[in-house]
Structure formats: C-alpha cells, structure tokens
N, C-alpha and C. Protein backbone atom coordinates (compact mmCIF):
# COMPACT_ATOMS: atom_id res chain seq x y z
N UNK A 1 -53.83 7.41 -20.46
CA UNK A 1 -54.26 6.13 -19.95
C UNK A 1 -53.18 5.08 -20.25
N UNK A 2 -53.13 4.11 -19.39
CA UNK A 2 -52.16 3.04 -19.54
C UNK A 2 -52.87 1.69 -19.51
N UNK A 3 -52.50 0.80 -20.42
CA UNK A 3 -53.12 -0.51 -20.48
C UNK A 3 -52.75 -1.32 -19.24
N UNK A 4 -53.74 -1.90 -18.62
CA UNK A 4 -53.52 -2.77 -17.47
C UNK A 4 -53.52 -4.23 -17.90
N UNK A 5 -54.59 -4.66 -18.58
CA UNK A 5 -54.71 -6.07 -18.94
C UNK A 5 -55.84 -6.26 -19.93
N UNK A 6 -55.91 -7.47 -20.48
CA UNK A 6 -57.05 -7.89 -21.27
C UNK A 6 -57.91 -8.80 -20.41
N UNK A 7 -59.21 -8.70 -20.57
CA UNK A 7 -60.14 -9.49 -19.78
C UNK A 7 -60.12 -10.94 -20.28
N UNK A 8 -59.79 -11.85 -19.38
CA UNK A 8 -59.74 -13.27 -19.71
C UNK A 8 -60.96 -14.03 -19.21
N UNK A 9 -61.66 -13.46 -18.24
CA UNK A 9 -62.85 -14.09 -17.69
C UNK A 9 -63.73 -13.01 -17.08
N UNK A 10 -65.02 -13.25 -17.09
CA UNK A 10 -66.00 -12.35 -16.49
C UNK A 10 -67.03 -13.22 -15.80
N UNK A 11 -67.38 -12.87 -14.57
CA UNK A 11 -68.41 -13.64 -13.88
C UNK A 11 -69.11 -12.77 -12.86
N UNK A 12 -70.22 -13.29 -12.35
CA UNK A 12 -70.96 -12.59 -11.30
C UNK A 12 -70.72 -13.32 -9.99
N UNK A 13 -70.36 -12.58 -8.98
CA UNK A 13 -70.11 -13.12 -7.65
C UNK A 13 -71.27 -12.74 -6.74
N UNK A 14 -71.82 -13.71 -6.04
CA UNK A 14 -72.91 -13.42 -5.11
C UNK A 14 -72.48 -12.36 -4.10
N UNK A 15 -73.24 -11.31 -4.02
CA UNK A 15 -72.97 -10.25 -3.06
C UNK A 15 -71.95 -9.23 -3.50
N UNK A 16 -71.17 -9.54 -4.55
CA UNK A 16 -70.13 -8.62 -5.00
C UNK A 16 -70.38 -8.05 -6.38
N UNK A 17 -71.23 -8.67 -7.16
CA UNK A 17 -71.53 -8.19 -8.50
C UNK A 17 -70.55 -8.73 -9.52
N UNK A 18 -70.31 -7.95 -10.56
CA UNK A 18 -69.50 -8.37 -11.69
C UNK A 18 -68.01 -8.29 -11.36
N UNK A 19 -67.28 -9.34 -11.76
CA UNK A 19 -65.84 -9.40 -11.56
C UNK A 19 -65.19 -9.70 -12.90
N UNK A 20 -64.16 -8.93 -13.25
CA UNK A 20 -63.36 -9.20 -14.44
C UNK A 20 -61.99 -9.69 -13.99
N UNK A 21 -61.44 -10.64 -14.74
CA UNK A 21 -60.17 -11.26 -14.36
C UNK A 21 -59.25 -11.24 -15.57
N UNK A 22 -57.97 -10.99 -15.33
CA UNK A 22 -56.97 -11.03 -16.39
C UNK A 22 -55.65 -11.52 -15.88
N UNK A 23 -54.83 -12.04 -16.80
CA UNK A 23 -53.47 -12.51 -16.53
C UNK A 23 -52.49 -11.63 -17.27
N UNK A 24 -51.45 -11.23 -16.63
CA UNK A 24 -50.38 -10.49 -17.30
C UNK A 24 -49.05 -10.89 -16.66
N UNK A 25 -48.00 -11.09 -17.48
CA UNK A 25 -46.70 -11.47 -16.91
C UNK A 25 -46.08 -10.38 -16.06
N UNK A 26 -46.24 -9.12 -16.48
CA UNK A 26 -45.69 -7.99 -15.73
C UNK A 26 -46.73 -6.89 -15.72
N UNK A 27 -47.15 -6.53 -14.55
CA UNK A 27 -48.16 -5.46 -14.43
C UNK A 27 -47.49 -4.19 -13.97
N UNK A 28 -47.10 -3.36 -14.90
CA UNK A 28 -46.44 -2.12 -14.53
C UNK A 28 -47.44 -1.07 -14.07
N UNK A 29 -48.72 -1.24 -14.42
CA UNK A 29 -49.72 -0.23 -14.09
C UNK A 29 -50.54 -0.61 -12.86
N UNK A 30 -50.20 -1.70 -12.20
CA UNK A 30 -51.03 -2.21 -11.11
C UNK A 30 -51.20 -1.20 -9.98
N UNK A 31 -50.17 -0.45 -9.68
CA UNK A 31 -50.26 0.53 -8.59
C UNK A 31 -51.14 1.71 -8.96
N UNK A 32 -51.53 1.81 -10.23
CA UNK A 32 -52.36 2.92 -10.68
C UNK A 32 -53.86 2.60 -10.64
N UNK A 33 -54.23 1.38 -10.22
CA UNK A 33 -55.65 1.08 -10.12
C UNK A 33 -56.23 1.93 -9.01
N UNK A 34 -57.18 2.74 -9.36
CA UNK A 34 -57.79 3.63 -8.39
C UNK A 34 -59.27 3.39 -8.28
N UNK A 35 -60.01 4.47 -8.17
CA UNK A 35 -61.46 4.36 -8.03
C UNK A 35 -62.16 4.04 -9.34
N UNK A 36 -61.51 4.32 -10.47
CA UNK A 36 -62.13 4.12 -11.77
C UNK A 36 -61.17 3.44 -12.73
N UNK A 37 -61.75 2.70 -13.69
CA UNK A 37 -61.01 2.15 -14.81
C UNK A 37 -61.77 2.49 -16.08
N UNK A 38 -61.10 2.32 -17.21
CA UNK A 38 -61.74 2.45 -18.51
C UNK A 38 -61.69 1.08 -19.15
N UNK A 39 -62.83 0.62 -19.63
CA UNK A 39 -62.94 -0.69 -20.26
C UNK A 39 -63.29 -0.48 -21.73
N UNK A 40 -62.38 -0.90 -22.61
CA UNK A 40 -62.65 -0.81 -24.04
C UNK A 40 -63.26 -2.13 -24.47
N UNK A 41 -64.57 -2.09 -24.81
CA UNK A 41 -65.27 -3.33 -25.15
C UNK A 41 -65.40 -3.54 -26.66
N UNK A 42 -65.11 -2.53 -27.44
CA UNK A 42 -65.07 -2.65 -28.90
C UNK A 42 -64.15 -1.56 -29.43
N UNK A 43 -63.94 -1.57 -30.72
CA UNK A 43 -63.04 -0.59 -31.32
C UNK A 43 -63.49 0.85 -31.04
N UNK A 44 -64.80 1.06 -30.93
CA UNK A 44 -65.32 2.41 -30.77
C UNK A 44 -66.07 2.65 -29.47
N UNK A 45 -66.08 1.67 -28.56
CA UNK A 45 -66.84 1.84 -27.33
C UNK A 45 -65.97 1.64 -26.09
N UNK A 46 -65.92 2.68 -25.26
CA UNK A 46 -65.18 2.64 -24.01
C UNK A 46 -66.13 3.02 -22.88
N UNK A 47 -65.99 2.32 -21.76
CA UNK A 47 -66.84 2.57 -20.60
C UNK A 47 -65.99 2.98 -19.41
N UNK A 48 -66.41 4.01 -18.69
CA UNK A 48 -65.79 4.37 -17.42
C UNK A 48 -66.53 3.61 -16.33
N UNK A 49 -65.81 2.85 -15.53
CA UNK A 49 -66.43 2.02 -14.50
C UNK A 49 -65.77 2.23 -13.15
N UNK A 50 -66.56 2.13 -12.11
CA UNK A 50 -66.09 2.29 -10.73
C UNK A 50 -65.56 0.96 -10.21
N UNK A 51 -64.39 0.99 -9.59
CA UNK A 51 -63.78 -0.19 -8.99
C UNK A 51 -64.27 -0.32 -7.56
N UNK A 52 -64.80 -1.50 -7.22
CA UNK A 52 -65.25 -1.76 -5.86
C UNK A 52 -64.11 -2.36 -5.04
N UNK A 53 -63.39 -3.32 -5.64
CA UNK A 53 -62.24 -3.92 -4.96
C UNK A 53 -61.34 -4.59 -5.99
N UNK A 54 -60.12 -4.90 -5.57
CA UNK A 54 -59.12 -5.54 -6.44
C UNK A 54 -58.44 -6.65 -5.66
N UNK A 55 -58.22 -7.78 -6.33
CA UNK A 55 -57.44 -8.86 -5.74
C UNK A 55 -56.35 -9.25 -6.73
N UNK A 56 -55.14 -9.44 -6.22
CA UNK A 56 -54.00 -9.80 -7.05
C UNK A 56 -53.37 -11.06 -6.48
N UNK A 57 -53.08 -12.01 -7.35
CA UNK A 57 -52.40 -13.23 -6.91
C UNK A 57 -51.44 -13.68 -7.99
N UNK A 58 -50.52 -14.57 -7.62
CA UNK A 58 -49.59 -15.14 -8.58
C UNK A 58 -50.14 -16.45 -9.10
N UNK A 59 -50.08 -16.63 -10.42
CA UNK A 59 -50.52 -17.87 -11.02
C UNK A 59 -49.36 -18.87 -10.97
N UNK A 60 -49.62 -20.15 -11.21
CA UNK A 60 -48.55 -21.16 -11.19
C UNK A 60 -47.46 -20.90 -12.23
N UNK A 61 -47.79 -20.20 -13.32
CA UNK A 61 -46.78 -19.93 -14.35
C UNK A 61 -46.16 -18.54 -14.19
N UNK A 62 -46.18 -18.02 -12.97
CA UNK A 62 -45.49 -16.77 -12.61
C UNK A 62 -46.08 -15.52 -13.25
N UNK A 63 -47.35 -15.55 -13.60
CA UNK A 63 -48.02 -14.35 -14.07
C UNK A 63 -48.85 -13.79 -12.93
N UNK A 64 -49.15 -12.52 -13.01
CA UNK A 64 -50.04 -11.90 -12.04
C UNK A 64 -51.48 -12.09 -12.50
N UNK A 65 -52.31 -12.57 -11.60
CA UNK A 65 -53.74 -12.69 -11.88
C UNK A 65 -54.44 -11.57 -11.13
N UNK A 66 -55.21 -10.77 -11.86
CA UNK A 66 -55.87 -9.61 -11.28
C UNK A 66 -57.38 -9.79 -11.41
N UNK A 67 -58.08 -9.66 -10.30
CA UNK A 67 -59.53 -9.66 -10.29
C UNK A 67 -60.02 -8.29 -9.86
N UNK A 68 -60.86 -7.68 -10.68
CA UNK A 68 -61.39 -6.36 -10.38
C UNK A 68 -62.90 -6.49 -10.24
N UNK A 69 -63.40 -6.17 -9.06
CA UNK A 69 -64.83 -6.21 -8.80
C UNK A 69 -65.44 -4.87 -9.19
N UNK A 70 -66.48 -4.93 -10.01
CA UNK A 70 -67.15 -3.72 -10.49
C UNK A 70 -68.52 -3.53 -9.86
N UNK A 71 -68.88 -4.37 -8.90
CA UNK A 71 -70.17 -4.26 -8.25
C UNK A 71 -71.31 -4.55 -9.22
N UNK A 72 -72.42 -3.89 -9.02
CA UNK A 72 -73.60 -4.10 -9.86
C UNK A 72 -73.74 -3.04 -10.95
N UNK A 73 -72.65 -2.35 -11.27
CA UNK A 73 -72.71 -1.26 -12.25
C UNK A 73 -72.83 -1.75 -13.68
N UNK A 74 -72.50 -3.03 -13.93
CA UNK A 74 -72.55 -3.58 -15.28
C UNK A 74 -72.84 -5.07 -15.20
N UNK A 75 -73.54 -5.57 -16.19
CA UNK A 75 -73.87 -6.98 -16.27
C UNK A 75 -72.70 -7.74 -16.90
N UNK A 76 -72.34 -8.91 -16.38
CA UNK A 76 -71.22 -9.66 -16.97
C UNK A 76 -71.40 -9.94 -18.47
N UNK A 77 -72.64 -10.12 -18.92
CA UNK A 77 -72.90 -10.40 -20.33
C UNK A 77 -72.54 -9.22 -21.23
N UNK A 78 -72.38 -8.02 -20.65
CA UNK A 78 -72.05 -6.83 -21.43
C UNK A 78 -70.55 -6.61 -21.59
N UNK A 79 -69.74 -7.54 -21.06
CA UNK A 79 -68.28 -7.40 -21.14
C UNK A 79 -67.73 -8.58 -21.95
N UNK A 80 -67.31 -8.34 -23.18
CA UNK A 80 -66.74 -9.42 -23.98
C UNK A 80 -65.35 -9.83 -23.48
N UNK A 81 -65.08 -11.14 -23.53
CA UNK A 81 -63.74 -11.63 -23.25
C UNK A 81 -62.80 -10.97 -24.26
N UNK A 82 -61.65 -10.53 -23.82
CA UNK A 82 -60.70 -9.84 -24.69
C UNK A 82 -60.79 -8.34 -24.62
N UNK A 83 -61.80 -7.81 -23.90
CA UNK A 83 -61.87 -6.36 -23.68
C UNK A 83 -60.59 -5.90 -23.01
N UNK A 84 -60.23 -4.65 -23.20
CA UNK A 84 -58.99 -4.12 -22.64
C UNK A 84 -59.30 -3.18 -21.48
N UNK A 85 -58.56 -3.34 -20.39
CA UNK A 85 -58.72 -2.51 -19.19
C UNK A 85 -57.58 -1.50 -19.16
N UNK A 86 -57.96 -0.23 -18.99
CA UNK A 86 -56.98 0.86 -18.88
C UNK A 86 -57.14 1.55 -17.53
N UNK A 87 -56.03 2.10 -17.03
CA UNK A 87 -56.04 2.90 -15.81
C UNK A 87 -55.52 4.29 -16.16
N UNK A 88 -55.84 5.26 -15.29
CA UNK A 88 -55.43 6.65 -15.52
C UNK A 88 -54.03 6.91 -14.99
C-alpha cells in the first residue's frame, strides 16, 4: 500500500454521500486510486472502502486538492480528521 493523503475535511454531500478531502503538495500515488482505498482511522483500525468518484484540483498555494466520494458506505462522523488514506 502507498500513502495517498491525510484527511483534512469530511462532509456529507446531498445525493453523493460521504466525501473526504485532503491536500498534498505532490501526489505520486494519485494514478493508483482505483475502486477501493484503505482508510486508517486509528493506530489499530483500518477500513477498506469503495470509491464512488474522485475530483482533483489545484489549490491557490500549488498543492493538489483531492476529494474522494465514498457514497453512503460510511458516516462522515466515523472518519476522524487526520485519518490516512492508502491506495493499493
């Protein structure tokens, strides 16, 4: 597994479900986002989650902003800010 990003924000989008967002200056693993990700929400707890869609944009400070929609598979309250997202 390769680290993609840390979760900087989590919210629920009407019609799309839970969305996690992160900022990273260089995303070397971005092309590896597939159907599934692994979300480490604590030192001992990792969740396998299905990716519904991905949006990538550039922030004003030249970082990549990544939004990953997880649909209704998880409640936003169950994802702590700072969780780590991994790809296969």
